[in-house]
PDB file of N, CA and C in Angstrom:
ATOM      1  N   MET A   1     -12.925 -28.294 -31.026  1.00  0.00           N
ATOM      2  CA  MET A   1     -12.039 -29.395 -31.360  1.00  0.00           C
ATOM      3  C   MET A   1     -11.395 -29.041 -32.783  1.00  0.00           C
ATOM      4  N   VAL A   2     -10.155 -29.314 -32.928  1.00  0.00           N
ATOM      5  CA  VAL A   2      -9.532 -29.048 -34.190  1.00  0.00           C
ATOM      6  C   VAL A   2      -9.618 -30.270 -35.064  1.00  0.00           C
ATOM      7  N   SER A   3      -9.985 -30.117 -36.400  1.00  0.00           N
ATOM      8  CA  SER A   3     -10.190 -31.156 -37.321  1.00  0.00           C
ATOM      9  C   SER A   3      -8.795 -31.898 -37.588  1.00  0.00           C
ATOM     10  N   ALA A   4      -8.859 -33.070 -38.132  1.00  0.00           N
ATOM     11  CA  ALA A   4      -7.682 -33.786 -38.548  1.00  0.00           C
ATOM     12  C   ALA A   4      -6.804 -32.998 -39.564  1.00  0.00           C
ATOM     13  N   PRO A   5      -7.456 -32.534 -40.673  1.00  0.00           N
ATOM     14  CA  PRO A   5      -6.637 -31.748 -41.696  1.00  0.00           C
ATOM     15  C   PRO A   5      -6.059 -30.485 -41.039  1.00  0.00           C
ATOM     16  N   GLU A   6      -6.773 -29.814 -40.201  1.00  0.00           N
ATOM     17  CA  GLU A   6      -6.236 -28.691 -39.489  1.00  0.00           C
ATOM     18  C   GLU A   6      -4.951 -29.088 -38.615  1.00  0.00           C
ATOM     19  N   ARG A   7      -5.124 -30.164 -37.958  1.00  0.00           N
ATOM     20  CA  ARG A   7      -4.027 -30.680 -37.097  1.00  0.00           C
ATOM     21  C   ARG A   7      -2.884 -31.021 -37.877  1.00  0.00           C
ATOM     22  N   ASP A   8      -3.062 -31.656 -39.138  1.00  0.00           N
ATOM     23  CA  ASP A   8      -1.958 -32.039 -39.980  1.00  0.00           C
ATOM     24  C   ASP A   8      -1.265 -30.778 -40.469  1.00  0.00           C
ATOM     25  N   VAL A   9      -2.027 -29.707 -40.894  1.00  0.00           N
ATOM     26  CA  VAL A   9      -1.400 -28.466 -41.384  1.00  0.00           C
ATOM     27  C   VAL A   9      -0.541 -27.818 -40.171  1.00  0.00           C
ATOM     28  N   ARG A  10      -1.146 -27.775 -39.004  1.00  0.00           N
ATOM     29  CA  ARG A  10      -0.375 -27.183 -37.863  1.00  0.00           C
ATOM     30  C   ARG A  10       0.896 -28.018 -37.553  1.00  0.00           C
ATOM     31  N   GLU A  11       0.838 -29.339 -37.646  1.00  0.00           N
ATOM     32  CA  GLU A  11       1.971 -30.200 -37.462  1.00  0.00           C
ATOM     33  C   GLU A  11       3.081 -29.943 -38.550  1.00  0.00           C
ATOM     34  N   THR A  12       2.549 -29.818 -39.798  1.00  0.00           N
ATOM     35  CA  THR A  12       3.547 -29.563 -40.791  1.00  0.00           C
ATOM     36  C   THR A  12       4.310 -28.329 -40.624  1.00  0.00           C
ATOM     37  N   PHE A  13       3.612 -27.273 -40.227  1.00  0.00           N
ATOM     38  CA  PHE A  13       4.233 -26.061 -39.966  1.00  0.00           C
ATOM     39  C   PHE A  13       5.221 -26.171 -38.758  1.00  0.00           C
ATOM     40  N   ARG A  14       4.762 -26.835 -37.720  1.00  0.00           N
ATOM     41  CA  ARG A  14       5.601 -26.968 -36.548  1.00  0.00           C
ATOM     42  C   ARG A  14       6.874 -27.752 -36.839  1.00  0.00           C
ATOM     43  N   ARG A  15       6.766 -28.822 -37.621  1.00  0.00           N
ATOM     44  CA  ARG A  15       7.900 -29.590 -38.035  1.00  0.00           C
ATOM     45  C   ARG A  15       8.802 -28.754 -38.839  1.00  0.00           C
ATOM     46  N   SER A  16       8.342 -27.943 -39.730  1.00  0.00           N
ATOM     47  CA  SER A  16       9.204 -27.137 -40.602  1.00  0.00           C
ATOM     48  C   SER A  16       9.921 -25.992 -39.897  1.00  0.00           C
ATOM     49  N   GLY A  17       9.437 -25.665 -38.731  1.00  0.00           N
ATOM     50  CA  GLY A  17      10.023 -24.446 -38.038  1.00  0.00           C
ATOM     51  C   GLY A  17       9.345 -23.194 -38.445  1.00  0.00           C
ATOM     52  N   TYR A  18       8.281 -23.240 -39.202  1.00  0.00           N
ATOM     53  CA  TYR A  18       7.514 -22.051 -39.503  1.00  0.00           C
ATOM     54  C   TYR A  18       6.309 -21.994 -38.644  1.00  0.00           C
ATOM     55  N   THR A  19       5.690 -20.849 -38.527  1.00  0.00           N
ATOM     56  CA  THR A  19       4.462 -20.749 -37.800  1.00  0.00           C
ATOM     57  C   THR A  19       3.321 -20.509 -38.827  1.00  0.00           C
ATOM     58  N   LEU A  20       2.157 -20.896 -38.387  1.00  0.00           N
ATOM     59  CA  LEU A  20       0.891 -20.718 -39.335  1.00  0.00           C
ATOM     60  C   LEU A  20       0.345 -19.346 -38.976  1.00  0.00           C
ATOM     61  N   THR A  21       0.826 -18.387 -39.724  1.00  0.00           N
ATOM     62  CA  THR A  21       0.364 -17.006 -39.496  1.00  0.00           C
ATOM     63  C   THR A  21      -0.968 -16.815 -40.105  1.00  0.00           C
ATOM     64  N   SER A  22      -1.587 -15.662 -39.735  1.00  0.00           N
ATOM     65  CA  SER A  22      -2.944 -15.390 -40.282  1.00  0.00           C
ATOM     66  C   SER A  22      -2.870 -15.192 -41.773  1.00  0.00           C
ATOM     67  N   GLN A  23      -1.812 -14.607 -42.307  1.00  0.00           N
ATOM     68  CA  GLN A  23      -1.619 -14.465 -43.736  1.00  0.00           C
ATOM     69  C   GLN A  23      -1.526 -15.837 -44.450  1.00  0.00           C
ATOM     70  N   ARG A  24      -0.690 -16.711 -43.879  1.00  0.00           N
ATOM     71  CA  ARG A  24      -0.568 -18.038 -44.504  1.00  0.00           C
ATOM     72  C   ARG A  24      -1.888 -18.779 -44.450  1.00  0.00           C
ATOM     73  N   ARG A  25      -2.633 -18.643 -43.344  1.00  0.00           N
ATOM     74  CA  ARG A  25      -3.954 -19.288 -43.201  1.00  0.00           C
ATOM     75  C   ARG A  25      -4.836 -18.725 -44.239  1.00  0.00           C
ATOM     76  N   ALA A  26      -4.810 -17.317 -44.512  1.00  0.00           N
ATOM     77  CA  ALA A  26      -5.671 -16.774 -45.499  1.00  0.00           C
ATOM     78  C   ALA A  26      -5.378 -17.312 -46.966  1.00  0.00           C
ATOM     79  N   VAL A  27      -4.148 -17.444 -47.141  1.00  0.00           N
ATOM     80  CA  VAL A  27      -3.800 -18.017 -48.445  1.00  0.00           C
ATOM     81  C   VAL A  27      -4.255 -19.451 -48.701  1.00  0.00           C
ATOM     82  N   LEU A  28      -4.056 -20.264 -47.635  1.00  0.00           N
ATOM     83  CA  LEU A  28      -4.577 -21.616 -47.617  1.00  0.00           C
ATOM     84  C   LEU A  28      -6.038 -21.740 -47.797  1.00  0.00           C
ATOM     85  N   ASP A  29      -6.771 -20.797 -47.087  1.00  0.00           N
ATOM     86  CA  ASP A  29      -8.198 -20.755 -47.195  1.00  0.00           C
ATOM     87  C   ASP A  29      -8.687 -20.322 -48.637  1.00  0.00           C
ATOM     88  N   ALA A  30      -7.938 -19.388 -49.246  1.00  0.00           N
ATOM     89  CA  ALA A  30      -8.185 -18.941 -50.575  1.00  0.00           C
ATOM     90  C   ALA A  30      -8.019 -20.122 -51.566  1.00  0.00           C
ATOM     91  N   LEU A  31      -6.943 -20.854 -51.383  1.00  0.00           N
ATOM     92  CA  LEU A  31      -6.528 -21.909 -52.234  1.00  0.00           C
ATOM     93  C   LEU A  31      -7.684 -23.026 -52.194  1.00  0.00           C
ATOM     94  N   LYS A  32      -8.314 -23.228 -51.077  1.00  0.00           N
ATOM     95  CA  LYS A  32      -9.368 -24.176 -50.926  1.00  0.00           C
ATOM     96  C   LYS A  32     -10.591 -23.810 -51.824  1.00  0.00           C
ATOM     97  N   ASP A  33     -10.716 -22.490 -52.112  1.00  0.00           N
ATOM     98  CA  ASP A  33     -11.903 -22.054 -52.809  1.00  0.00           C
ATOM     99  C   ASP A  33     -11.715 -22.123 -54.342  1.00  0.00           C
ATOM    100  N   PHE A  34     -10.492 -22.350 -54.746  1.00  0.00           N
ATOM    101  CA  PHE A  34     -10.289 -22.456 -56.203  1.00  0.00           C
ATOM    102  C   PHE A  34     -10.360 -23.929 -56.694  1.00  0.00           C
ATOM    103  N   LYS A  35     -10.876 -23.990 -57.906  1.00  0.00           N
ATOM    104  CA  LYS A  35     -10.763 -25.266 -58.623  1.00  0.00           C
ATOM    105  C   LYS A  35      -9.775 -25.095 -59.651  1.00  0.00           C
ATOM    106  N   GLY A  36      -8.821 -26.011 -59.921  1.00  0.00           N
ATOM    107  CA  GLY A  36      -7.830 -25.949 -60.838  1.00  0.00           C
ATOM    108  C   GLY A  36      -6.577 -25.311 -60.211  1.00  0.00           C
ATOM    109  N   HIS A  37      -5.889 -24.582 -61.075  1.00  0.00           N
ATOM    110  CA  HIS A  37      -4.538 -24.095 -60.713  1.00  0.00           C
ATOM    111  C   HIS A  37      -4.532 -22.536 -60.815  1.00  0.00           C
ATOM    112  N   PRO A  38      -4.917 -21.871 -59.691  1.00  0.00           N
ATOM    113  CA  PRO A  38      -4.896 -20.382 -59.701  1.00  0.00           C
ATOM    114  C   PRO A  38      -3.495 -19.782 -59.750  1.00  0.00           C
ATOM    115  N   SER A  39      -3.377 -18.718 -60.370  1.00  0.00           N
ATOM    116  CA  SER A  39      -2.129 -17.921 -60.367  1.00  0.00           C
ATOM    117  C   SER A  39      -1.932 -17.227 -59.108  1.00  0.00           C
ATOM    118  N   ALA A  40      -0.752 -16.851 -58.694  1.00  0.00           N
ATOM    119  CA  ALA A  40      -0.565 -16.121 -57.489  1.00  0.00           C
ATOM    120  C   ALA A  40      -1.353 -14.894 -57.405  1.00  0.00           C
ATOM    121  N   GLU A  41      -1.476 -14.136 -58.619  1.00  0.00           N
ATOM    122  CA  GLU A  41      -2.305 -13.033 -58.632  1.00  0.00           C
ATOM    123  C   GLU A  41      -3.756 -13.310 -58.344  1.00  0.00           C
ATOM    124  N   GLU A  42      -4.248 -14.410 -58.816  1.00  0.00           N
ATOM    125  CA  GLU A  42      -5.634 -14.779 -58.501  1.00  0.00           C
ATOM    126  C   GLU A  42      -5.825 -15.091 -57.020  1.00  0.00           C
ATOM    127  N   VAL A  43      -4.892 -15.747 -56.418  1.00  0.00           N
ATOM    128  CA  VAL A  43      -4.994 -15.998 -54.948  1.00  0.00           C
ATOM    129  C   VAL A  43      -4.922 -14.650 -54.299  1.00  0.00           C
ATOM    130  N   TYR A  44      -3.974 -13.779 -54.759  1.00  0.00           N
ATOM    131  CA  TYR A  44      -3.904 -12.402 -54.000  1.00  0.00           C
ATOM    132  C   TYR A  44      -5.195 -11.706 -54.103  1.00  0.00           C
ATOM    133  N   LEU A  45      -5.843 -11.679 -55.196  1.00  0.00           N
ATOM    134  CA  LEU A  45      -7.117 -10.972 -55.361  1.00  0.00           C
ATOM    135  C   LEU A  45      -8.231 -11.489 -54.483  1.00  0.00           C
ATOM    136  N   LEU A  46      -8.261 -12.745 -54.270  1.00  0.00           N
ATOM    137  CA  LEU A  46      -9.291 -13.353 -53.359  1.00  0.00           C
ATOM    138  C   LEU A  46      -8.941 -13.043 -51.993  1.00  0.00           C
ATOM    139  N   VAL A  47      -7.654 -13.200 -51.548  1.00  0.00           N
ATOM    140  CA  VAL A  47      -7.206 -12.806 -50.209  1.00  0.00           C
ATOM    141  C   VAL A  47      -7.454 -11.434 -49.922  1.00  0.00           C
ATOM    142  N   LYS A  48      -7.135 -10.499 -50.899  1.00  0.00           N
ATOM    143  CA  LYS A  48      -7.290  -9.105 -50.739  1.00  0.00           C
ATOM    144  C   LYS A  48      -8.819  -8.719 -50.593  1.00  0.00           C
ATOM    145  N   LYS A  49      -9.653  -9.380 -51.267  1.00  0.00           N
ATOM    146  CA  LYS A  49     -11.115  -9.191 -51.127  1.00  0.00           C
ATOM    147  C   LYS A  49     -11.640  -9.449 -49.702  1.00  0.00           C
ATOM    148  N   ARG A  50     -11.000 -10.403 -49.052  1.00  0.00           N
ATOM    149  CA  ARG A  50     -11.291 -10.799 -47.715  1.00  0.00           C
ATOM    150  C   ARG A  50     -10.580  -9.922 -46.619  1.00  0.00           C
ATOM    151  N   ASN A  51      -9.348  -9.501 -47.037  1.00  0.00           N
ATOM    152  CA  ASN A  51      -8.452  -8.642 -46.130  1.00  0.00           C
ATOM    153  C   ASN A  51      -7.765  -7.633 -46.999  1.00  0.00           C
ATOM    154  N   PRO A  52      -8.428  -6.421 -47.124  1.00  0.00           N
ATOM    155  CA  PRO A  52      -7.845  -5.463 -48.087  1.00  0.00           C
ATOM    156  C   PRO A  52      -6.512  -4.875 -47.700  1.00  0.00           C
ATOM    157  N   ARG A  53      -5.961  -5.196 -46.477  1.00  0.00           N
ATOM    158  CA  ARG A  53      -4.671  -4.742 -46.065  1.00  0.00           C
ATOM    159  C   ARG A  53      -3.518  -5.652 -46.452  1.00  0.00           C
ATOM    160  N   VAL A  54      -3.836  -6.755 -47.053  1.00  0.00           N
ATOM    161  CA  VAL A  54      -2.817  -7.645 -47.373  1.00  0.00           C
ATOM    162  C   VAL A  54      -2.057  -7.199 -48.660  1.00  0.00           C
ATOM    163  N   ALA A  55      -0.829  -7.559 -48.764  1.00  0.00           N
ATOM    164  CA  ALA A  55       0.095  -7.027 -49.820  1.00  0.00           C
ATOM    165  C   ALA A  55       0.355  -8.196 -50.715  1.00  0.00           C
ATOM    166  N   LEU A  56       0.636  -7.905 -52.019  1.00  0.00           N
ATOM    167  CA  LEU A  56       0.981  -9.018 -53.005  1.00  0.00           C
ATOM    168  C   LEU A  56       2.203  -9.762 -52.604  1.00  0.00           C
ATOM    169  N   GLY A  57       3.218  -9.035 -52.056  1.00  0.00           N
ATOM    170  CA  GLY A  57       4.439  -9.664 -51.616  1.00  0.00           C
ATOM    171  C   GLY A  57       4.156 -10.630 -50.548  1.00  0.00           C
ATOM    172  N   THR A  58       3.244 -10.409 -49.628  1.00  0.00           N
ATOM    173  CA  THR A  58       2.899 -11.233 -48.607  1.00  0.00           C
ATOM    174  C   THR A  58       2.330 -12.548 -49.045  1.00  0.00           C
ATOM    175  N   VAL A  59       1.495 -12.459 -50.047  1.00  0.00           N
ATOM    176  CA  VAL A  59       0.894 -13.631 -50.726  1.00  0.00           C
ATOM    177  C   VAL A  59       1.986 -14.419 -51.404  1.00  0.00           C
ATOM    178  N   TYR A  60       2.879 -13.848 -52.098  1.00  0.00           N
ATOM    179  CA  TYR A  60       3.946 -14.619 -52.759  1.00  0.00           C
ATOM    180  C   TYR A  60       4.811 -15.161 -51.643  1.00  0.00           C
ATOM    181  N   GLN A  61       5.147 -14.635 -50.602  1.00  0.00           N
ATOM    182  CA  GLN A  61       5.956 -15.235 -49.520  1.00  0.00           C
ATOM    183  C   GLN A  61       5.176 -16.382 -48.944  1.00  0.00           C
ATOM    184  N   ALA A  62       3.926 -16.218 -48.614  1.00  0.00           N
ATOM    185  CA  ALA A  62       3.118 -17.231 -48.114  1.00  0.00           C
ATOM    186  C   ALA A  62       3.131 -18.497 -49.073  1.00  0.00           C
ATOM    187  N   LEU A  63       2.962 -18.238 -50.343  1.00  0.00           N
ATOM    188  CA  LEU A  63       2.882 -19.336 -51.304  1.00  0.00           C
ATOM    189  C   LEU A  63       4.297 -20.047 -51.342  1.00  0.00           C
ATOM    190  N   SER A  64       5.320 -19.339 -51.267  1.00  0.00           N
ATOM    191  CA  SER A  64       6.639 -19.854 -51.262  1.00  0.00           C
ATOM    192  C   SER A  64       6.906 -20.732 -50.022  1.00  0.00           C
ATOM    193  N   VAL A  65       6.421 -20.320 -48.829  1.00  0.00           N
ATOM    194  CA  VAL A  65       6.536 -21.173 -47.701  1.00  0.00           C
ATOM    195  C   VAL A  65       5.719 -22.455 -47.796  1.00  0.00           C
ATOM    196  N   LEU A  66       4.468 -22.238 -48.253  1.00  0.00           N
ATOM    197  CA  LEU A  66       3.605 -23.391 -48.440  1.00  0.00           C
ATOM    198  C   LEU A  66       4.183 -24.435 -49.376  1.00  0.00           C
ATOM    199  N   GLU A  67       4.809 -23.983 -50.404  1.00  0.00           N
ATOM    200  CA  GLU A  67       5.483 -24.806 -51.354  1.00  0.00           C
ATOM    201  C   GLU A  67       6.565 -25.551 -50.623  1.00  0.00           C
ATOM    202  N   GLU A  68       7.507 -24.746 -49.991  1.00  0.00           N
ATOM    203  CA  GLU A  68       8.710 -25.238 -49.369  1.00  0.00           C
ATOM    204  C   GLU A  68       8.451 -26.390 -48.329  1.00  0.00           C
ATOM    205  N   ILE A  69       7.311 -26.236 -47.594  1.00  0.00           N
ATOM    206  CA  ILE A  69       6.989 -27.283 -46.541  1.00  0.00           C
ATOM    207  C   ILE A  69       6.111 -28.305 -47.132  1.00  0.00           C
ATOM    208  N   GLY A  70       5.712 -28.334 -48.410  1.00  0.00           N
ATOM    209  CA  GLY A  70       5.104 -29.449 -49.055  1.00  0.00           C
ATOM    210  C   GLY A  70       3.535 -29.390 -48.973  1.00  0.00           C
ATOM    211  N   LEU A  71       2.958 -28.285 -48.598  1.00  0.00           N
ATOM    212  CA  LEU A  71       1.511 -28.280 -48.509  1.00  0.00           C
ATOM    213  C   LEU A  71       0.898 -27.935 -49.862  1.00  0.00           C
ATOM    214  N   ILE A  72       1.651 -27.291 -50.780  1.00  0.00           N
ATOM    215  CA  ILE A  72       1.092 -26.998 -52.125  1.00  0.00           C
ATOM    216  C   ILE A  72       2.268 -27.330 -53.113  1.00  0.00           C
ATOM    217  N   GLU A  73       1.930 -27.453 -54.304  1.00  0.00           N
ATOM    218  CA  GLU A  73       2.888 -27.676 -55.361  1.00  0.00           C
ATOM    219  C   GLU A  73       2.735 -26.579 -56.389  1.00  0.00           C
ATOM    220  N   ALA A  74       3.773 -25.853 -56.742  1.00  0.00           N
ATOM    221  CA  ALA A  74       3.695 -24.859 -57.727  1.00  0.00           C
ATOM    222  C   ALA A  74       3.790 -25.524 -59.139  1.00  0.00           C
ATOM    223  N   LYS A  75       3.091 -24.995 -60.116  1.00  0.00           N
ATOM    224  CA  LYS A  75       3.047 -25.436 -61.432  1.00  0.00           C
ATOM    225  C   LYS A  75       3.810 -24.422 -62.258  1.00  0.00           C
ATOM    226  N   ARG A  76       4.898 -24.824 -62.864  1.00  0.00           N
ATOM    227  CA  ARG A  76       5.674 -23.852 -63.698  1.00  0.00           C
ATOM    228  C   ARG A  76       5.549 -24.448 -65.045  1.00  0.00           C
ATOM    229  N   TRP A  77       5.299 -23.579 -65.990  1.00  0.00           N
ATOM    230  CA  TRP A  77       5.137 -24.077 -67.338  1.00  0.00           C
ATOM    231  C   TRP A  77       6.392 -24.436 -68.017  1.00  0.00           C
ATOM    232  N   SER A  78       7.492 -23.788 -67.555  1.00  0.00           N
ATOM    233  CA  SER A  78       8.790 -24.106 -68.147  1.00  0.00           C
ATOM    234  C   SER A  78       9.957 -23.604 -67.292  1.00  0.00           C
ATOM    235  N   ASN A  79      10.953 -24.287 -67.125  1.00  0.00           N
ATOM    236  CA  ASN A  79      12.118 -23.903 -66.398  1.00  0.00           C
ATOM    237  C   ASN A  79      13.159 -23.196 -67.313  1.00  0.00           C
ATOM    238  N   THR A  80      13.013 -23.438 -68.640  1.00  0.00           N
ATOM    239  CA  THR A  80      13.894 -22.859 -69.600  1.00  0.00           C
ATOM    240  C   THR A  80      12.972 -22.083 -70.532  1.00  0.00           C
ATOM    241  N   PRO A  81      13.658 -21.209 -71.326  1.00  0.00           N
ATOM    242  CA  PRO A  81      12.861 -20.418 -72.313  1.00  0.00           C
ATOM    243  C   PRO A  81      11.980 -21.267 -73.172  1.00  0.00           C
ATOM    244  N   TYR A  82      10.850 -20.815 -73.604  1.00  0.00           N
ATOM    245  CA  TYR A  82      10.034 -21.560 -74.402  1.00  0.00           C
ATOM    246  C   TYR A  82      10.687 -21.617 -75.811  1.00  0.00           C
ATOM    247  N   ASP A  83      10.103 -22.474 -76.708  1.00  0.00           N
ATOM    248  CA  ASP A  83      10.799 -22.603 -78.025  1.00  0.00           C
ATOM    249  C   ASP A  83      10.628 -21.406 -78.902  1.00  0.00           C
ATOM    250  N   VAL A  84      10.522 -20.241 -78.361  1.00  0.00           N
ATOM    251  CA  VAL A  84      10.400 -19.047 -79.092  1.00  0.00           C
ATOM    252  C   VAL A  84      11.770 -18.722 -79.824  1.00  0.00           C
ATOM    253  N   THR A  85      11.751 -18.504 -81.124  1.00  0.00           N
ATOM    254  CA  THR A  85      12.932 -18.143 -81.827  1.00  0.00           C
ATOM    255  C   THR A  85      12.946 -16.687 -82.337  1.00  0.00           C
ATOM    256  N   ASN A  86      11.720 -16.105 -82.315  1.00  0.00           N
ATOM    257  CA  ASN A  86      11.756 -14.690 -82.727  1.00  0.00           C
ATOM    258  C   ASN A  86      10.444 -14.064 -82.182  1.00  0.00           C
ATOM    259  N   ALA A  87      10.480 -12.891 -81.757  1.00  0.00           N
ATOM    260  CA  ALA A  87       9.361 -12.194 -81.286  1.00  0.00           C
ATOM    261  C   ALA A  87       9.530 -10.663 -81.686  1.00  0.00           C
ATOM    262  N   SER A  88       8.362 -10.079 -82.087  1.00  0.00           N
ATOM    263  CA  SER A  88       8.513  -8.726 -82.558  1.00  0.00           C
ATOM    264  C   SER A  88       7.184  -8.060 -82.132  1.00  0.00           C
ATOM    265  N   LEU A  89       7.326  -6.697 -82.009  1.00  0.00           N
ATOM    266  CA  LEU A  89       6.215  -5.852 -81.712  1.00  0.00           C
ATOM    267  C   LEU A  89       6.177  -4.684 -82.598  1.00  0.00           C
ATOM    268  N   VAL A  90       5.163  -4.516 -83.345  1.00  0.00           N
ATOM    269  CA  VAL A  90       5.069  -3.358 -84.321  1.00  0.00           C
ATOM    270  C   VAL A  90       3.941  -2.399 -83.853  1.00  0.00           C
ATOM    271  N   ILE A  91       4.266  -1.180 -83.660  1.00  0.00           N
ATOM    272  CA  ILE A  91       3.289  -0.223 -83.259  1.00  0.00           C
ATOM    273  C   ILE A  91       3.383   0.883 -84.357  1.00  0.00           C
ATOM    274  N   GLU A  92       2.165   1.085 -84.988  1.00  0.00           N
ATOM    275  CA  GLU A  92       2.075   2.105 -86.022  1.00  0.00           C
ATOM    276  C   GLU A  92       1.097   3.181 -85.602  1.00  0.00           C
ATOM    277  N   GLY A  93       1.363   4.340 -86.046  1.00  0.00           N
ATOM    278  CA  GLY A  93       0.545   5.471 -85.689  1.00  0.00           C
ATOM    279  C   GLY A  93       0.832   6.696 -86.570  1.00  0.00           C
ATOM    280  N   VAL A  94       0.201   7.772 -86.239  1.00  0.00           N
ATOM    281  CA  VAL A  94       0.404   9.022 -86.969  1.00  0.00           C
ATOM    282  C   VAL A  94       0.742  10.041 -86.000  1.00  0.00           C
ATOM    283  N   CYS A  95       1.843  10.732 -86.183  1.00  0.00           N
ATOM    284  CA  CYS A  95       2.321  11.819 -85.323  1.00  0.00           C
ATOM    285  C   CYS A  95       1.361  13.006 -85.316  1.00  0.00           C
ATOM    286  N   PRO A  96       1.379  13.788 -84.214  1.00  0.00           N
ATOM    287  CA  PRO A  96       0.436  14.890 -84.154  1.00  0.00           C
ATOM    288  C   PRO A  96       0.583  15.949 -85.291  1.00  0.00           C
ATOM    289  N   ALA A  97       1.794  16.093 -85.826  1.00  0.00           N
ATOM    290  CA  ALA A  97       1.963  17.077 -86.950  1.00  0.00           C
ATOM    291  C   ALA A  97       1.261  16.560 -88.191  1.00  0.00           C
ATOM    292  N   CYS A  98       1.397  15.207 -88.466  1.00  0.00           N
ATOM    293  CA  CYS A  98       0.766  14.634 -89.621  1.00  0.00           C
ATOM    294  C   CYS A  98      -0.763  14.513 -89.456  1.00  0.00           C
ATOM    295  N   GLN A  99      -1.149  14.439 -88.176  1.00  0.00           N
ATOM    296  CA  GLN A  99      -2.614  14.355 -87.994  1.00  0.00           C
ATOM    297  C   GLN A  99      -3.296  15.673 -88.298  1.00  0.00           C
ATOM    298  N   LYS A 100      -2.522  16.832 -88.100  1.00  0.00           N
ATOM    299  CA  LYS A 100      -3.087  18.175 -88.444  1.00  0.00           C
ATOM    300  C   LYS A 100      -3.155  18.328 -89.996  1.00  0.00           C
ATOM    301  N   GLU A 101      -2.307  17.652 -90.705  1.00  0.00           N
ATOM    302  CA  GLU A 101      -2.253  17.795 -92.118  1.00  0.00           C
ATOM    303  C   GLU A 101      -3.456  17.055 -92.764  1.00  0.00           C
ATOM    304  N   SER A 102      -3.906  16.152 -92.164  1.00  0.00           N
ATOM    305  CA  SER A 102      -4.928  15.325 -92.842  1.00  0.00           C
ATOM    306  C   SER A 102      -6.388  15.802 -92.518  1.00  0.00           C
TER     307      SER A 102
END
């Protein structure tokens, strides 16, 4: 017998015109195991642990469909650039020729 939540998930997919593929099911199952808000990469790593043949792109596509049909909600930290006004990266080192001199 199919549980009520499972029936609801299947019905949501049916109404949306999508099918509940094994990859989408794997992503949903992985999401159930997380507490909090996992990143797509964290979901991917858990799905990949269970199914080594899954691709990162597949997980992203599954997450996109799940969000589109309302089963999950993505958390985005910002739709516009953060209040960053300046960023810089300084890398210092000694070239091989100078290393020989010291």
